[in-house]
PDB file of N, CA and C in Angstrom:
ATOM      1  N   MET A   1      -9.328   2.331  21.835  1.00  0.00           N
ATOM      2  CA  MET A   1      -9.689   1.533  20.667  1.00  0.00           C
ATOM      3  C   MET A   1      -8.406   0.968  20.037  1.00  0.00           C
ATOM      4  N   PRO A   2      -8.385  -0.320  19.709  1.00  0.00           N
ATOM      5  CA  PRO A   2      -7.211  -0.947  19.098  1.00  0.00           C
ATOM      6  C   PRO A   2      -6.885  -0.318  17.745  1.00  0.00           C
ATOM      7  N   ALA A   3      -5.620  -0.402  17.409  1.00  0.00           N
ATOM      8  CA  ALA A   3      -5.156   0.147  16.135  1.00  0.00           C
ATOM      9  C   ALA A   3      -5.778  -0.594  14.959  1.00  0.00           C
ATOM     10  N   THR A   4      -6.148   0.153  13.952  1.00  0.00           N
ATOM     11  CA  THR A   4      -6.652  -0.421  12.707  1.00  0.00           C
ATOM     12  C   THR A   4      -5.787   0.121  11.586  1.00  0.00           C
ATOM     13  N   LYS A   5      -4.499  -0.163  11.722  1.00  0.00           N
ATOM     14  CA  LYS A   5      -3.506   0.361  10.792  1.00  0.00           C
ATOM     15  C   LYS A   5      -2.410  -0.676  10.616  1.00  0.00           C
ATOM     16  N   SER A   6      -1.892  -0.737   9.420  1.00  0.00           N
ATOM     17  CA  SER A   6      -0.782  -1.625   9.125  1.00  0.00           C
ATOM     18  C   SER A   6       0.298  -0.834   8.398  1.00  0.00           C
ATOM     19  N   SER A   7       1.551  -1.119   8.719  1.00  0.00           N
ATOM     20  CA  SER A   7       2.667  -0.474   8.031  1.00  0.00           C
ATOM     21  C   SER A   7       3.279  -1.461   7.050  1.00  0.00           C
ATOM     22  N   ILE A   8       3.586  -0.969   5.869  1.00  0.00           N
ATOM     23  CA  ILE A   8       4.135  -1.821   4.806  1.00  0.00           C
ATOM     24  C   ILE A   8       5.409  -1.177   4.279  1.00  0.00           C
ATOM     25  N   ARG A   9       6.427  -1.976   4.126  1.00  0.00           N
ATOM     26  CA  ARG A   9       7.717  -1.487   3.610  1.00  0.00           C
ATOM     27  C   ARG A   9       7.864  -1.914   2.161  1.00  0.00           C
ATOM     28  N   ARG A  10       8.244  -0.973   1.307  1.00  0.00           N
ATOM     29  CA  ARG A  10       8.474  -1.249  -0.120  1.00  0.00           C
ATOM     30  C   ARG A  10       9.853  -0.739  -0.495  1.00  0.00           C
ATOM     31  N   SER A  11      10.471  -1.400  -1.450  1.00  0.00           N
ATOM     32  CA  SER A  11      11.761  -0.943  -1.958  1.00  0.00           C
ATOM     33  C   SER A  11      11.675  -0.808  -3.467  1.00  0.00           C
ATOM     34  N   ARG A  12      12.681  -0.183  -4.032  1.00  0.00           N
ATOM     35  CA  ARG A  12      12.694   0.019  -5.482  1.00  0.00           C
ATOM     36  C   ARG A  12      14.094  -0.250  -6.028  1.00  0.00           C
ATOM     37  N   LYS A  13      14.165  -0.541  -7.312  1.00  0.00           N
ATOM     38  CA  LYS A  13      15.436  -0.858  -7.958  1.00  0.00           C
ATOM     39  C   LYS A  13      16.200   0.407  -8.355  1.00  0.00           C
ATOM     40  N   ASN A  14      15.493   1.411  -8.855  1.00  0.00           N
ATOM     41  CA  ASN A  14      16.130   2.659  -9.274  1.00  0.00           C
ATOM     42  C   ASN A  14      15.804   3.712  -8.228  1.00  0.00           C
ATOM     43  N   TYR A  15      16.788   4.112  -7.445  1.00  0.00           N
ATOM     44  CA  TYR A  15      16.513   5.047  -6.355  1.00  0.00           C
ATOM     45  C   TYR A  15      17.292   6.353  -6.475  1.00  0.00           C
ATOM     46  N   ASN A  16      17.591   6.751  -7.703  1.00  0.00           N
ATOM     47  CA  ASN A  16      18.310   8.008  -7.920  1.00  0.00           C
ATOM     48  C   ASN A  16      17.449   9.238  -7.686  1.00  0.00           C
ATOM     49  N   ASP A  17      16.193   9.205  -8.110  1.00  0.00           N
ATOM     50  CA  ASP A  17      15.324  10.375  -8.052  1.00  0.00           C
ATOM     51  C   ASP A  17      14.262  10.241  -6.966  1.00  0.00           C
ATOM     52  N   ALA A  18      13.756  11.385  -6.521  1.00  0.00           N
ATOM     53  CA  ALA A  18      12.623  11.404  -5.591  1.00  0.00           C
ATOM     54  C   ALA A  18      11.345  11.174  -6.391  1.00  0.00           C
ATOM     55  N   ILE A  19      10.442  10.351  -5.851  1.00  0.00           N
ATOM     56  CA  ILE A  19       9.158  10.114  -6.512  1.00  0.00           C
ATOM     57  C   ILE A  19       8.069   9.887  -5.464  1.00  0.00           C
ATOM     58  N   THR A  20       6.861  10.180  -5.857  1.00  0.00           N
ATOM     59  CA  THR A  20       5.677   9.808  -5.103  1.00  0.00           C
ATOM     60  C   THR A  20       4.891   8.869  -6.008  1.00  0.00           C
ATOM     61  N   VAL A  21       4.647   7.668  -5.543  1.00  0.00           N
ATOM     62  CA  VAL A  21       4.058   6.619  -6.365  1.00  0.00           C
ATOM     63  C   VAL A  21       2.530   6.661  -6.277  1.00  0.00           C
ATOM     64  N   PRO A  22       1.858   6.858  -7.414  1.00  0.00           N
ATOM     65  CA  PRO A  22       0.391   6.835  -7.400  1.00  0.00           C
ATOM     66  C   PRO A  22      -0.109   5.391  -7.390  1.00  0.00           C
ATOM     67  N   VAL A  23      -1.078   5.105  -6.521  1.00  0.00           N
ATOM     68  CA  VAL A  23      -1.623   3.752  -6.440  1.00  0.00           C
ATOM     69  C   VAL A  23      -3.142   3.785  -6.498  1.00  0.00           C
ATOM     70  N   GLU A  24      -3.710   2.654  -6.869  1.00  0.00           N
ATOM     71  CA  GLU A  24      -5.158   2.457  -6.830  1.00  0.00           C
ATOM     72  C   GLU A  24      -5.439   1.415  -5.764  1.00  0.00           C
ATOM     73  N   VAL A  25      -6.439   1.680  -4.940  1.00  0.00           N
ATOM     74  CA  VAL A  25      -6.809   0.779  -3.852  1.00  0.00           C
ATOM     75  C   VAL A  25      -8.195   0.216  -4.130  1.00  0.00           C
ATOM     76  N   SER A  26      -8.320  -1.095  -4.035  1.00  0.00           N
ATOM     77  CA  SER A  26      -9.643  -1.715  -4.152  1.00  0.00           C
ATOM     78  C   SER A  26      -9.807  -2.684  -2.992  1.00  0.00           C
ATOM     79  N   SER A  27     -11.051  -2.962  -2.660  1.00  0.00           N
ATOM     80  CA  SER A  27     -11.324  -3.772  -1.484  1.00  0.00           C
ATOM     81  C   SER A  27     -12.676  -4.465  -1.624  1.00  0.00           C
ATOM     82  N   THR A  28     -12.890  -5.440  -0.748  1.00  0.00           N
ATOM     83  CA  THR A  28     -14.185  -6.096  -0.684  1.00  0.00           C
ATOM     84  C   THR A  28     -15.224  -5.165  -0.054  1.00  0.00           C
ATOM     85  N   GLN A  29     -14.776  -4.061   0.526  1.00  0.00           N
ATOM     86  CA  GLN A  29     -15.672  -3.050   1.103  1.00  0.00           C
ATOM     87  C   GLN A  29     -15.186  -1.682   0.631  1.00  0.00           C
ATOM     88  N   ASP A  30     -15.953  -1.039  -0.245  1.00  0.00           N
ATOM     89  CA  ASP A  30     -15.554   0.259  -0.784  1.00  0.00           C
ATOM     90  C   ASP A  30     -15.306   1.273   0.320  1.00  0.00           C
ATOM     91  N   GLY A  31     -14.207   2.001   0.202  1.00  0.00           N
ATOM     92  CA  GLY A  31     -13.897   3.083   1.112  1.00  0.00           C
ATOM     93  C   GLY A  31     -13.331   2.667   2.454  1.00  0.00           C
ATOM     94  N   LEU A  32     -13.160   1.380   2.692  1.00  0.00           N
ATOM     95  CA  LEU A  32     -12.660   0.928   3.990  1.00  0.00           C
ATOM     96  C   LEU A  32     -11.186   1.251   4.173  1.00  0.00           C
ATOM     97  N   PHE A  33     -10.386   1.006   3.149  1.00  0.00           N
ATOM     98  CA  PHE A  33      -8.934   1.169   3.257  1.00  0.00           C
ATOM     99  C   PHE A  33      -8.491   2.518   2.702  1.00  0.00           C
ATOM    100  N   THR A  34      -7.607   3.184   3.442  1.00  0.00           N
ATOM    101  CA  THR A  34      -6.945   4.382   2.939  1.00  0.00           C
ATOM    102  C   THR A  34      -5.443   4.157   3.045  1.00  0.00           C
ATOM    103  N   VAL A  35      -4.730   4.615   2.034  1.00  0.00           N
ATOM    104  CA  VAL A  35      -3.291   4.403   1.957  1.00  0.00           C
ATOM    105  C   VAL A  35      -2.599   5.748   2.051  1.00  0.00           C
ATOM    106  N   SER A  36      -1.574   5.822   2.898  1.00  0.00           N
ATOM    107  CA  SER A  36      -0.795   7.051   2.993  1.00  0.00           C
ATOM    108  C   SER A  36       0.032   7.225   1.719  1.00  0.00           C
ATOM    109  N   GLU A  37       0.574   8.389   1.551  1.00  0.00           N
ATOM    110  CA  GLU A  37       1.419   8.669   0.392  1.00  0.00           C
ATOM    111  C   GLU A  37       2.616   7.724   0.397  1.00  0.00           C
ATOM    112  N   ILE A  38       2.927   7.179  -0.770  1.00  0.00           N
ATOM    113  CA  ILE A  38       4.098   6.309  -0.910  1.00  0.00           C
ATOM    114  C   ILE A  38       5.169   7.150  -1.577  1.00  0.00           C
ATOM    115  N   LYS A  39       6.088   7.631  -0.753  1.00  0.00           N
ATOM    116  CA  LYS A  39       7.040   8.639  -1.202  1.00  0.00           C
ATOM    117  C   LYS A  39       8.471   8.174  -0.944  1.00  0.00           C
ATOM    118  N   PHE A  40       9.312   8.336  -1.963  1.00  0.00           N
ATOM    119  CA  PHE A  40      10.732   8.044  -1.858  1.00  0.00           C
ATOM    120  C   PHE A  40      11.507   9.335  -2.085  1.00  0.00           C
ATOM    121  N   GLU A  41      12.464   9.609  -1.237  1.00  0.00           N
ATOM    122  CA  GLU A  41      13.371  10.736  -1.456  1.00  0.00           C
ATOM    123  C   GLU A  41      14.480  10.273  -2.404  1.00  0.00           C
ATOM    124  N   ALA A  42      15.173  11.216  -3.034  1.00  0.00           N
ATOM    125  CA  ALA A  42      16.300  10.871  -3.908  1.00  0.00           C
ATOM    126  C   ALA A  42      17.315  10.068  -3.090  1.00  0.00           C
ATOM    127  N   GLY A  43      17.761   8.946  -3.645  1.00  0.00           N
ATOM    128  CA  GLY A  43      18.734   8.099  -2.978  1.00  0.00           C
ATOM    129  C   GLY A  43      18.137   7.119  -1.980  1.00  0.00           C
ATOM    130  N   GLN A  44      16.846   7.196  -1.727  1.00  0.00           N
ATOM    131  CA  GLN A  44      16.177   6.319  -0.763  1.00  0.00           C
ATOM    132  C   GLN A  44      15.726   5.046  -1.456  1.00  0.00           C
ATOM    133  N   GLU A  45      16.254   3.922  -1.036  1.00  0.00           N
ATOM    134  CA  GLU A  45      15.936   2.645  -1.667  1.00  0.00           C
ATOM    135  C   GLU A  45      14.628   2.048  -1.167  1.00  0.00           C
ATOM    136  N   ALA A  46      14.276   2.295   0.105  1.00  0.00           N
ATOM    137  CA  ALA A  46      13.063   1.714   0.687  1.00  0.00           C
ATOM    138  C   ALA A  46      12.299   2.781   1.461  1.00  0.00           C
ATOM    139  N   THR A  47      10.987   2.568   1.573  1.00  0.00           N
ATOM    140  CA  THR A  47      10.135   3.462   2.347  1.00  0.00           C
ATOM    141  C   THR A  47       9.043   2.646   3.012  1.00  0.00           C
ATOM    142  N   THR A  48       8.411   3.248   3.998  1.00  0.00           N
ATOM    143  CA  THR A  48       7.295   2.615   4.690  1.00  0.00           C
ATOM    144  C   THR A  48       6.068   3.487   4.519  1.00  0.00           C
ATOM    145  N   PHE A  49       4.936   2.858   4.223  1.00  0.00           N
ATOM    146  CA  PHE A  49       3.684   3.592   4.134  1.00  0.00           C
ATOM    147  C   PHE A  49       2.647   2.863   4.990  1.00  0.00           C
ATOM    148  N   SER A  50       1.551   3.540   5.268  1.00  0.00           N
ATOM    149  CA  SER A  50       0.543   2.923   6.136  1.00  0.00           C
ATOM    150  C   SER A  50      -0.762   2.704   5.394  1.00  0.00           C
ATOM    151  N   VAL A  51      -1.466   1.686   5.843  1.00  0.00           N
ATOM    152  CA  VAL A  51      -2.800   1.364   5.351  1.00  0.00           C
ATOM    153  C   VAL A  51      -3.725   1.409   6.562  1.00  0.00           C
ATOM    154  N   ASP A  52      -4.726   2.274   6.514  1.00  0.00           N
ATOM    155  CA  ASP A  52      -5.687   2.417   7.610  1.00  0.00           C
ATOM    156  C   ASP A  52      -7.015   1.774   7.226  1.00  0.00           C
ATOM    157  N   PHE A  53      -7.668   1.175   8.213  1.00  0.00           N
ATOM    158  CA  PHE A  53      -8.982   0.556   7.991  1.00  0.00           C
ATOM    159  C   PHE A  53      -9.821   0.702   9.256  1.00  0.00           C
ATOM    160  N   PRO A  54     -10.115   1.936   9.663  1.00  0.00           N
ATOM    161  CA  PRO A  54     -10.808   2.190  10.923  1.00  0.00           C
ATOM    162  C   PRO A  54     -12.251   1.682  10.980  1.00  0.00           C
ATOM    163  N   GLY A  55     -12.882   1.474   9.849  1.00  0.00           N
ATOM    164  CA  GLY A  55     -14.268   1.014   9.837  1.00  0.00           C
ATOM    165  C   GLY A  55     -14.429  -0.489   9.837  1.00  0.00           C
ATOM    166  N   ALA A  56     -13.325  -1.224  10.007  1.00  0.00           N
ATOM    167  CA  ALA A  56     -13.398  -2.687   9.982  1.00  0.00           C
ATOM    168  C   ALA A  56     -14.180  -3.210  11.181  1.00  0.00           C
ATOM    169  N   GLU A  57     -15.056  -4.160  10.935  1.00  0.00           N
ATOM    170  CA  GLU A  57     -15.850  -4.776  11.996  1.00  0.00           C
ATOM    171  C   GLU A  57     -15.094  -5.954  12.605  1.00  0.00           C
ATOM    172  N   VAL A  58     -15.274  -6.160  13.891  1.00  0.00           N
ATOM    173  CA  VAL A  58     -14.636  -7.259  14.596  1.00  0.00           C
ATOM    174  C   VAL A  58     -15.114  -8.595  14.013  1.00  0.00           C
ATOM    175  N   GLY A  59     -14.151  -9.487  13.748  1.00  0.00           N
ATOM    176  CA  GLY A  59     -14.468 -10.829  13.277  1.00  0.00           C
ATOM    177  C   GLY A  59     -14.700 -10.959  11.786  1.00  0.00           C
ATOM    178  N   LYS A  60     -14.663  -9.869  11.072  1.00  0.00           N
ATOM    179  CA  LYS A  60     -14.905  -9.911   9.630  1.00  0.00           C
ATOM    180  C   LYS A  60     -13.579  -9.750   8.879  1.00  0.00           C
ATOM    181  N   THR A  61     -13.401 -10.533   7.827  1.00  0.00           N
ATOM    182  CA  THR A  61     -12.182 -10.473   7.023  1.00  0.00           C
ATOM    183  C   THR A  61     -12.422  -9.622   5.781  1.00  0.00           C
ATOM    184  N   TYR A  62     -11.473  -8.768   5.488  1.00  0.00           N
ATOM    185  CA  TYR A  62     -11.545  -7.882   4.328  1.00  0.00           C
ATOM    186  C   TYR A  62     -10.321  -8.100   3.458  1.00  0.00           C
ATOM    187  N   ASP A  63     -10.521  -8.093   2.153  1.00  0.00           N
ATOM    188  CA  ASP A  63      -9.424  -8.192   1.192  1.00  0.00           C
ATOM    189  C   ASP A  63      -9.117  -6.810   0.653  1.00  0.00           C
ATOM    190  N   CYS A  64      -7.835  -6.563   0.404  1.00  0.00           N
ATOM    191  CA  CYS A  64      -7.399  -5.276  -0.130  1.00  0.00           C
ATOM    192  C   CYS A  64      -6.366  -5.510  -1.221  1.00  0.00           C
ATOM    193  N   SER A  65      -6.414  -4.678  -2.224  1.00  0.00           N
ATOM    194  CA  SER A  65      -5.446  -4.722  -3.316  1.00  0.00           C
ATOM    195  C   SER A  65      -4.923  -3.305  -3.547  1.00  0.00           C
ATOM    196  N   ILE A  66      -3.616  -3.151  -3.537  1.00  0.00           N
ATOM    197  CA  ILE A  66      -2.962  -1.871  -3.807  1.00  0.00           C
ATOM    198  C   ILE A  66      -2.108  -2.077  -5.049  1.00  0.00           C
ATOM    199  N   VAL A  67      -2.410  -1.329  -6.110  1.00  0.00           N
ATOM    200  CA  VAL A  67      -1.757  -1.565  -7.399  1.00  0.00           C
ATOM    201  C   VAL A  67      -1.189  -0.262  -7.968  1.00  0.00           C
ATOM    202  N   VAL A  68       0.023  -0.378  -8.499  1.00  0.00           N
ATOM    203  CA  VAL A  68       0.632   0.716  -9.249  1.00  0.00           C
ATOM    204  C   VAL A  68       0.237   0.499 -10.706  1.00  0.00           C
ATOM    205  N   LYS A  69      -0.709   1.289 -11.203  1.00  0.00           N
ATOM    206  CA  LYS A  69      -1.223   1.113 -12.569  1.00  0.00           C
ATOM    207  C   LYS A  69      -0.344   1.795 -13.619  1.00  0.00           C
ATOM    208  N   ASP A  70       0.228   2.928 -13.271  1.00  0.00           N
ATOM    209  CA  ASP A  70       1.030   3.714 -14.210  1.00  0.00           C
ATOM    210  C   ASP A  70       2.367   3.023 -14.465  1.00  0.00           C
ATOM    211  N   LYS A  71       2.575   2.540 -15.687  1.00  0.00           N
ATOM    212  CA  LYS A  71       3.790   1.797 -16.028  1.00  0.00           C
ATOM    213  C   LYS A  71       5.061   2.608 -15.790  1.00  0.00           C
ATOM    214  N   LYS A  72       4.949   3.913 -15.848  1.00  0.00           N
ATOM    215  CA  LYS A  72       6.101   4.790 -15.570  1.00  0.00           C
ATOM    216  C   LYS A  72       6.665   4.502 -14.175  1.00  0.00           C
ATOM    217  N   TYR A  73       5.781   4.201 -13.236  1.00  0.00           N
ATOM    218  CA  TYR A  73       6.203   3.905 -11.875  1.00  0.00           C
ATOM    219  C   TYR A  73       6.337   2.415 -11.630  1.00  0.00           C
ATOM    220  N   ALA A  74       5.469   1.621 -12.197  1.00  0.00           N
ATOM    221  CA  ALA A  74       5.471   0.176 -11.960  1.00  0.00           C
ATOM    222  C   ALA A  74       6.776  -0.457 -12.412  1.00  0.00           C
ATOM    223  N   LEU A  75       7.328  -0.005 -13.500  1.00  0.00           N
ATOM    224  CA  LEU A  75       8.560  -0.598 -14.020  1.00  0.00           C
ATOM    225  C   LEU A  75       9.765  -0.314 -13.126  1.00  0.00           C
ATOM    226  N   LEU A  76       9.667   0.655 -12.237  1.00  0.00           N
ATOM    227  CA  LEU A  76      10.758   0.922 -11.299  1.00  0.00           C
ATOM    228  C   LEU A  76      10.904  -0.204 -10.287  1.00  0.00           C
ATOM    229  N   TYR A  77       9.858  -1.010 -10.115  1.00  0.00           N
ATOM    230  CA  TYR A  77       9.877  -2.081  -9.130  1.00  0.00           C
ATOM    231  C   TYR A  77      10.153  -3.439  -9.744  1.00  0.00           C
ATOM    232  N   GLY A  78      10.195  -3.519 -11.030  1.00  0.00           N
ATOM    233  CA  GLY A  78      10.397  -4.788 -11.704  1.00  0.00           C
ATOM    234  C   GLY A  78       9.162  -5.141 -12.497  1.00  0.00           C
ATOM    235  N   GLU A  79       9.328  -6.034 -13.422  1.00  0.00           N
ATOM    236  CA  GLU A  79       8.264  -6.368 -14.363  1.00  0.00           C
ATOM    237  C   GLU A  79       7.013  -6.942 -13.704  1.00  0.00           C
ATOM    238  N   TYR A  80       7.170  -7.707 -12.630  1.00  0.00           N
ATOM    239  CA  TYR A  80       6.023  -8.399 -12.056  1.00  0.00           C
ATOM    240  C   TYR A  80       5.636  -7.910 -10.653  1.00  0.00           C
ATOM    241  N   SER A  81       6.273  -6.888 -10.154  1.00  0.00           N
ATOM    242  CA  SER A  81       6.054  -6.448  -8.777  1.00  0.00           C
ATOM    243  C   SER A  81       5.315  -5.123  -8.727  1.00  0.00           C
ATOM    244  N   ASN A  82       4.113  -5.067  -9.267  1.00  0.00           N
ATOM    245  CA  ASN A  82       3.423  -3.783  -9.336  1.00  0.00           C
ATOM    246  C   ASN A  82       2.234  -3.674  -8.399  1.00  0.00           C
ATOM    247  N   GLY A  83       2.142  -4.570  -7.417  1.00  0.00           N
ATOM    248  CA  GLY A  83       1.016  -4.475  -6.507  1.00  0.00           C
ATOM    249  C   GLY A  83       1.167  -5.358  -5.291  1.00  0.00           C
ATOM    250  N   LEU A  84       0.149  -5.267  -4.456  1.00  0.00           N
ATOM    251  CA  LEU A  84       0.148  -5.994  -3.202  1.00  0.00           C
ATOM    252  C   LEU A  84      -1.293  -6.378  -2.879  1.00  0.00           C
ATOM    253  N   ASP A  85      -1.528  -7.638  -2.587  1.00  0.00           N
ATOM    254  CA  ASP A  85      -2.844  -8.130  -2.171  1.00  0.00           C
ATOM    255  C   ASP A  85      -2.708  -8.705  -0.768  1.00  0.00           C
ATOM    256  N   PHE A  86      -3.660  -8.386   0.115  1.00  0.00           N
ATOM    257  CA  PHE A  86      -3.620  -8.920   1.461  1.00  0.00           C
ATOM    258  C   PHE A  86      -5.017  -8.929   2.057  1.00  0.00           C
ATOM    259  N   SER A  87      -5.160  -9.615   3.171  1.00  0.00           N
ATOM    260  CA  SER A  87      -6.421  -9.669   3.916  1.00  0.00           C
ATOM    261  C   SER A  87      -6.162  -9.262   5.356  1.00  0.00           C
ATOM    262  N   VAL A  88      -7.161  -8.654   5.972  1.00  0.00           N
ATOM    263  CA  VAL A  88      -7.089  -8.319   7.386  1.00  0.00           C
ATOM    264  C   VAL A  88      -8.369  -8.786   8.078  1.00  0.00           C
ATOM    265  N   THR A  89      -8.210  -9.197   9.327  1.00  0.00           N
ATOM    266  CA  THR A  89      -9.347  -9.536  10.174  1.00  0.00           C
ATOM    267  C   THR A  89      -9.164  -8.813  11.489  1.00  0.00           C
ATOM    268  N   ARG A  90     -10.119  -7.984  11.840  1.00  0.00           N
ATOM    269  CA  ARG A  90     -10.040  -7.267  13.108  1.00  0.00           C
ATOM    270  C   ARG A  90     -10.480  -8.225  14.216  1.00  0.00           C
ATOM    271  N   VAL A  91      -9.647  -8.340  15.277  1.00  0.00           N
ATOM    272  CA  VAL A  91      -9.949  -9.281  16.353  1.00  0.00           C
ATOM    273  C   VAL A  91     -10.468  -8.594  17.615  1.00  0.00           C
ATOM    274  N   GLN A  92     -10.290  -7.293  17.737  1.00  0.00           N
ATOM    275  CA  GLN A  92     -10.812  -6.548  18.893  1.00  0.00           C
ATOM    276  C   GLN A  92     -11.457  -5.279  18.455  1.00  0.00           C
TER     277      GLN A  92
END
């Protein structure tokens, strides 16, 4: 079965401390997308996390939004960079 996973790289401005960033995920299909832990070690400027969507149907496009709602964490990325919106279409 083809992969139904995407890797996303994020960076932060303040990378002195270790943090795990809490996010909210919403989609055009409830429960379709799951996001791995977004974790930075102390001194780590960038990290990669994964988004899984194993229930996606072939030929159908889905929208996903991943948002950092807690201002304590959102402000570490800059005033306007607190989320990510994207679409996926499974082709196989």
